[in-house]
Amino acid sequence: MSVRQIAEGFYNNLVKKEEDLHKKRIDICKKCPLWKIDSVWGPICNPSLYINENNEISNKNIIGYIKGCGCVLNSKTRVPDSKCIINKW
């Protein structure tokens, strides 16, 4: 995500903008093995795990796996031009 998208996401979350988009995307995120609830940020994309195209996870870097981005999902899911790192939305 760009700095602009991060700022937009935090603003949109603060004012509850893009609520329908957020709900649609967050429902997808909740089913992902990278879903994690952080004690400070709430739902995040777990940066401690890696995932492959078959939704298999690993705690170490393996060829063909992508690391969770660590994004704050309540914000990222509210930015129309943001994308899931594993193309789920």
N, C-alpha and C. Protein backbone atom coordinates (compact mmCIF):
# COMPACT_ATOMS: atom_id res chain seq x y z
N MET A 1 0.85 -1.18 0.00
CA MET A 1 0.00 0.00 0.00
C MET A 1 0.89 1.24 0.00
N SER A 2 0.40 2.24 -0.68
CA SER A 2 1.12 3.51 -0.69
C SER A 2 0.78 4.31 0.57
N VAL A 3 1.56 5.31 0.85
CA VAL A 3 1.29 6.19 2.00
C VAL A 3 -0.09 6.84 1.84
N ARG A 4 -0.42 7.23 0.61
CA ARG A 4 -1.74 7.83 0.36
C ARG A 4 -2.85 6.85 0.73
N GLN A 5 -2.71 5.58 0.32
CA GLN A 5 -3.73 4.59 0.62
C GLN A 5 -3.84 4.33 2.12
N ILE A 6 -2.71 4.30 2.80
CA ILE A 6 -2.73 4.09 4.25
C ILE A 6 -3.48 5.24 4.94
N ALA A 7 -3.16 6.46 4.56
CA ALA A 7 -3.85 7.63 5.15
C ALA A 7 -5.33 7.59 4.82
N GLU A 8 -5.65 7.28 3.58
CA GLU A 8 -7.06 7.19 3.16
C GLU A 8 -7.79 6.12 3.97
N GLY A 9 -7.15 4.98 4.15
CA GLY A 9 -7.76 3.89 4.90
C GLY A 9 -8.03 4.26 6.34
N PHE A 10 -7.06 4.88 7.01
CA PHE A 10 -7.27 5.28 8.40
C PHE A 10 -8.35 6.34 8.51
N TYR A 11 -8.38 7.28 7.57
CA TYR A 11 -9.45 8.29 7.57
C TYR A 11 -10.81 7.63 7.34
N ASN A 12 -10.89 6.78 6.32
CA ASN A 12 -12.16 6.11 6.01
C ASN A 12 -12.64 5.28 7.19
N ASN A 13 -11.73 4.65 7.91
CA ASN A 13 -12.11 3.88 9.09
C ASN A 13 -12.62 4.80 10.19
N LEU A 14 -11.94 5.91 10.38
CA LEU A 14 -12.33 6.87 11.42
C LEU A 14 -13.75 7.38 11.20
N VAL A 15 -14.09 7.71 9.96
CA VAL A 15 -15.42 8.28 9.66
C VAL A 15 -16.40 7.22 9.15
N LYS A 16 -15.97 5.96 9.17
CA LYS A 16 -16.79 4.82 8.74
C LYS A 16 -17.26 4.97 7.29
N LYS A 17 -16.36 5.43 6.44
CA LYS A 17 -16.62 5.57 5.01
C LYS A 17 -16.35 4.23 4.32
N GLU A 18 -17.00 4.00 3.18
CA GLU A 18 -16.85 2.76 2.41
C GLU A 18 -17.26 1.53 3.24
N GLU A 19 -18.33 1.68 3.99
CA GLU A 19 -18.78 0.62 4.90
C GLU A 19 -19.17 -0.67 4.15
N ASP A 20 -19.88 -0.55 3.03
CA ASP A 20 -20.30 -1.74 2.28
C ASP A 20 -19.09 -2.49 1.72
N LEU A 21 -18.13 -1.75 1.18
CA LEU A 21 -16.91 -2.35 0.66
C LEU A 21 -16.14 -3.05 1.79
N HIS A 22 -16.04 -2.37 2.92
CA HIS A 22 -15.36 -2.93 4.09
C HIS A 22 -16.01 -4.25 4.52
N LYS A 23 -17.32 -4.27 4.65
CA LYS A 23 -18.01 -5.48 5.11
C LYS A 23 -17.79 -6.64 4.15
N LYS A 24 -17.86 -6.37 2.85
CA LYS A 24 -17.66 -7.41 1.85
C LYS A 24 -16.24 -7.99 1.95
N ARG A 25 -15.26 -7.11 2.02
CA ARG A 25 -13.87 -7.56 2.07
C ARG A 25 -13.52 -8.22 3.39
N ILE A 26 -13.99 -7.66 4.49
CA ILE A 26 -13.64 -8.20 5.81
C ILE A 26 -14.22 -9.61 5.98
N ASP A 27 -15.38 -9.88 5.37
CA ASP A 27 -15.94 -11.23 5.40
C ASP A 27 -15.03 -12.23 4.70
N ILE A 28 -14.40 -11.79 3.62
CA ILE A 28 -13.42 -12.64 2.92
C ILE A 28 -12.19 -12.84 3.79
N CYS A 29 -11.70 -11.76 4.39
CA CYS A 29 -10.51 -11.83 5.23
C CYS A 29 -10.69 -12.78 6.42
N LYS A 30 -11.87 -12.77 7.01
CA LYS A 30 -12.13 -13.61 8.19
C LYS A 30 -11.95 -15.10 7.89
N LYS A 31 -12.10 -15.49 6.63
CA LYS A 31 -11.98 -16.89 6.23
C LYS A 31 -10.54 -17.26 5.86
N CYS A 32 -9.65 -16.28 5.84
CA CYS A 32 -8.27 -16.50 5.42
C CYS A 32 -7.41 -16.98 6.59
N PRO A 33 -6.50 -17.91 6.35
CA PRO A 33 -5.60 -18.38 7.41
C PRO A 33 -4.65 -17.30 7.94
N LEU A 34 -4.51 -16.18 7.22
CA LEU A 34 -3.64 -15.10 7.69
C LEU A 34 -4.36 -14.14 8.63
N TRP A 35 -5.66 -14.30 8.83
CA TRP A 35 -6.45 -13.45 9.72
C TRP A 35 -5.90 -13.54 11.13
N LYS A 36 -5.68 -12.39 11.74
CA LYS A 36 -5.19 -12.35 13.12
C LYS A 36 -5.79 -11.12 13.80
N ILE A 37 -6.13 -11.28 15.07
CA ILE A 37 -6.59 -10.13 15.85
C ILE A 37 -5.42 -9.63 16.68
N ASP A 38 -4.99 -8.42 16.39
CA ASP A 38 -3.90 -7.77 17.11
C ASP A 38 -4.50 -7.02 18.30
N SER A 39 -3.80 -7.01 19.43
CA SER A 39 -4.34 -6.37 20.63
C SER A 39 -4.44 -4.86 20.51
N VAL A 40 -3.69 -4.25 19.60
CA VAL A 40 -3.74 -2.80 19.41
C VAL A 40 -4.59 -2.43 18.20
N TRP A 41 -4.34 -3.07 17.06
CA TRP A 41 -4.93 -2.67 15.78
C TRP A 41 -6.20 -3.41 15.40
N GLY A 42 -6.52 -4.49 16.11
CA GLY A 42 -7.67 -5.30 15.71
C GLY A 42 -7.26 -6.25 14.61
N PRO A 43 -8.14 -6.51 13.64
CA PRO A 43 -7.82 -7.46 12.57
C PRO A 43 -6.65 -6.99 11.70
N ILE A 44 -5.68 -7.89 11.52
CA ILE A 44 -4.55 -7.61 10.64
C ILE A 44 -4.30 -8.84 9.77
N CYS A 45 -3.53 -8.63 8.71
CA CYS A 45 -3.04 -9.73 7.88
C CYS A 45 -1.71 -10.17 8.51
N ASN A 46 -1.70 -11.34 9.08
CA ASN A 46 -0.60 -11.82 9.93
C ASN A 46 0.77 -11.79 9.22
N PRO A 47 1.66 -10.89 9.65
CA PRO A 47 2.98 -10.79 9.02
C PRO A 47 3.96 -11.87 9.50
N SER A 48 3.53 -12.73 10.40
CA SER A 48 4.40 -13.80 10.89
C SER A 48 4.20 -15.11 10.13
N LEU A 49 3.22 -15.12 9.21
CA LEU A 49 2.92 -16.33 8.46
C LEU A 49 3.08 -16.12 6.96
N TYR A 50 3.25 -17.21 6.26
CA TYR A 50 3.35 -17.23 4.80
C TYR A 50 2.23 -18.12 4.27
N ILE A 51 1.73 -17.81 3.08
CA ILE A 51 0.62 -18.57 2.50
C ILE A 51 0.90 -18.85 1.03
N ASN A 52 0.43 -19.99 0.55
CA ASN A 52 0.57 -20.28 -0.88
C ASN A 52 -0.80 -20.23 -1.55
N GLU A 53 -0.83 -20.52 -2.86
CA GLU A 53 -2.08 -20.41 -3.62
C GLU A 53 -3.13 -21.43 -3.21
N ASN A 54 -2.74 -22.46 -2.44
CA ASN A 54 -3.68 -23.47 -1.95
C ASN A 54 -4.14 -23.18 -0.52
N ASN A 55 -3.83 -21.98 -0.02
CA ASN A 55 -4.16 -21.57 1.35
C ASN A 55 -3.43 -22.38 2.41
N GLU A 56 -2.32 -23.01 2.04
CA GLU A 56 -1.48 -23.69 3.03
C GLU A 56 -0.58 -22.63 3.65
N ILE A 57 -0.37 -22.74 4.96
CA ILE A 57 0.43 -21.73 5.64
C ILE A 57 1.72 -22.33 6.19
N SER A 58 2.67 -21.44 6.41
CA SER A 58 3.96 -21.82 6.98
C SER A 58 4.44 -20.66 7.85
N ASN A 59 5.24 -20.98 8.84
CA ASN A 59 5.82 -19.91 9.66
C ASN A 59 7.23 -19.56 9.19
N LYS A 60 7.65 -20.15 8.05
CA LYS A 60 8.95 -19.80 7.46
C LYS A 60 8.78 -19.56 5.97
N ASN A 61 9.70 -18.84 5.40
CA ASN A 61 9.64 -18.50 3.99
C ASN A 61 9.98 -19.72 3.14
N ILE A 62 9.05 -20.08 2.28
CA ILE A 62 9.20 -21.21 1.37
C ILE A 62 8.92 -20.69 -0.04
N ILE A 63 9.63 -21.19 -1.02
CA ILE A 63 9.39 -20.78 -2.41
C ILE A 63 7.92 -21.03 -2.75
N GLY A 64 7.28 -20.02 -3.33
CA GLY A 64 5.87 -20.13 -3.71
C GLY A 64 4.92 -19.62 -2.65
N TYR A 65 5.43 -19.22 -1.51
CA TYR A 65 4.60 -18.68 -0.43
C TYR A 65 4.79 -17.17 -0.38
N ILE A 66 3.75 -16.45 0.06
CA ILE A 66 3.77 -15.00 0.20
C ILE A 66 3.58 -14.66 1.68
N LYS A 67 4.36 -13.73 2.17
CA LYS A 67 4.27 -13.31 3.57
C LYS A 67 3.05 -12.41 3.78
N GLY A 68 2.36 -12.62 4.90
CA GLY A 68 1.26 -11.73 5.26
C GLY A 68 1.76 -10.30 5.35
N CYS A 69 0.94 -9.35 4.90
CA CYS A 69 1.41 -7.96 4.75
C CYS A 69 1.43 -7.17 6.05
N GLY A 70 0.69 -7.59 7.07
CA GLY A 70 0.66 -6.86 8.33
C GLY A 70 -0.29 -5.68 8.34
N CYS A 71 -1.04 -5.50 7.26
CA CYS A 71 -1.94 -4.34 7.16
C CYS A 71 -3.06 -4.39 8.19
N VAL A 72 -3.48 -3.21 8.61
CA VAL A 72 -4.64 -3.06 9.50
C VAL A 72 -5.88 -3.21 8.61
N LEU A 73 -6.59 -4.29 8.76
CA LEU A 73 -7.66 -4.62 7.83
C LEU A 73 -8.88 -3.73 7.94
N ASN A 74 -9.17 -3.19 9.12
CA ASN A 74 -10.31 -2.28 9.23
C ASN A 74 -10.09 -1.01 8.41
N SER A 75 -8.85 -0.69 8.11
CA SER A 75 -8.52 0.46 7.28
C SER A 75 -8.31 0.05 5.82
N LYS A 76 -7.49 -0.95 5.59
CA LYS A 76 -7.16 -1.34 4.21
C LYS A 76 -8.39 -1.74 3.41
N THR A 77 -9.33 -2.41 4.05
CA THR A 77 -10.52 -2.88 3.34
C THR A 77 -11.46 -1.75 2.92
N ARG A 78 -11.21 -0.55 3.39
CA ARG A 78 -12.05 0.62 3.06
C ARG A 78 -11.48 1.47 1.92
N VAL A 79 -10.37 1.05 1.34
CA VAL A 79 -9.74 1.80 0.26
C VAL A 79 -10.07 1.09 -1.06
N PRO A 80 -10.89 1.72 -1.90
CA PRO A 80 -11.34 1.04 -3.12
C PRO A 80 -10.22 0.51 -4.00
N ASP A 81 -9.10 1.22 -4.11
CA ASP A 81 -8.04 0.76 -5.01
C ASP A 81 -6.95 -0.06 -4.31
N SER A 82 -7.19 -0.48 -3.06
CA SER A 82 -6.24 -1.38 -2.40
C SER A 82 -6.53 -2.80 -2.83
N LYS A 83 -5.55 -3.66 -2.67
CA LYS A 83 -5.69 -5.05 -3.09
C LYS A 83 -5.15 -5.99 -2.02
N CYS A 84 -5.76 -7.14 -1.91
CA CYS A 84 -5.27 -8.21 -1.05
C CYS A 84 -3.97 -8.75 -1.67
N ILE A 85 -2.97 -9.01 -0.83
CA ILE A 85 -1.69 -9.49 -1.36
C ILE A 85 -1.78 -10.87 -2.02
N ILE A 86 -2.82 -11.62 -1.68
CA ILE A 86 -2.99 -12.93 -2.31
C ILE A 86 -4.24 -12.95 -3.21
N ASN A 87 -4.65 -11.77 -3.62
CA ASN A 87 -5.69 -11.59 -4.64
C ASN A 87 -7.05 -12.20 -4.27
N LYS A 88 -7.40 -12.13 -3.00
CA LYS A 88 -8.73 -12.61 -2.61
C LYS A 88 -9.79 -11.53 -2.85
N TRP A 89 -9.35 -10.27 -2.94
CA TRP A 89 -10.24 -9.16 -3.33
C TRP A 89 -9.42 -8.07 -3.96
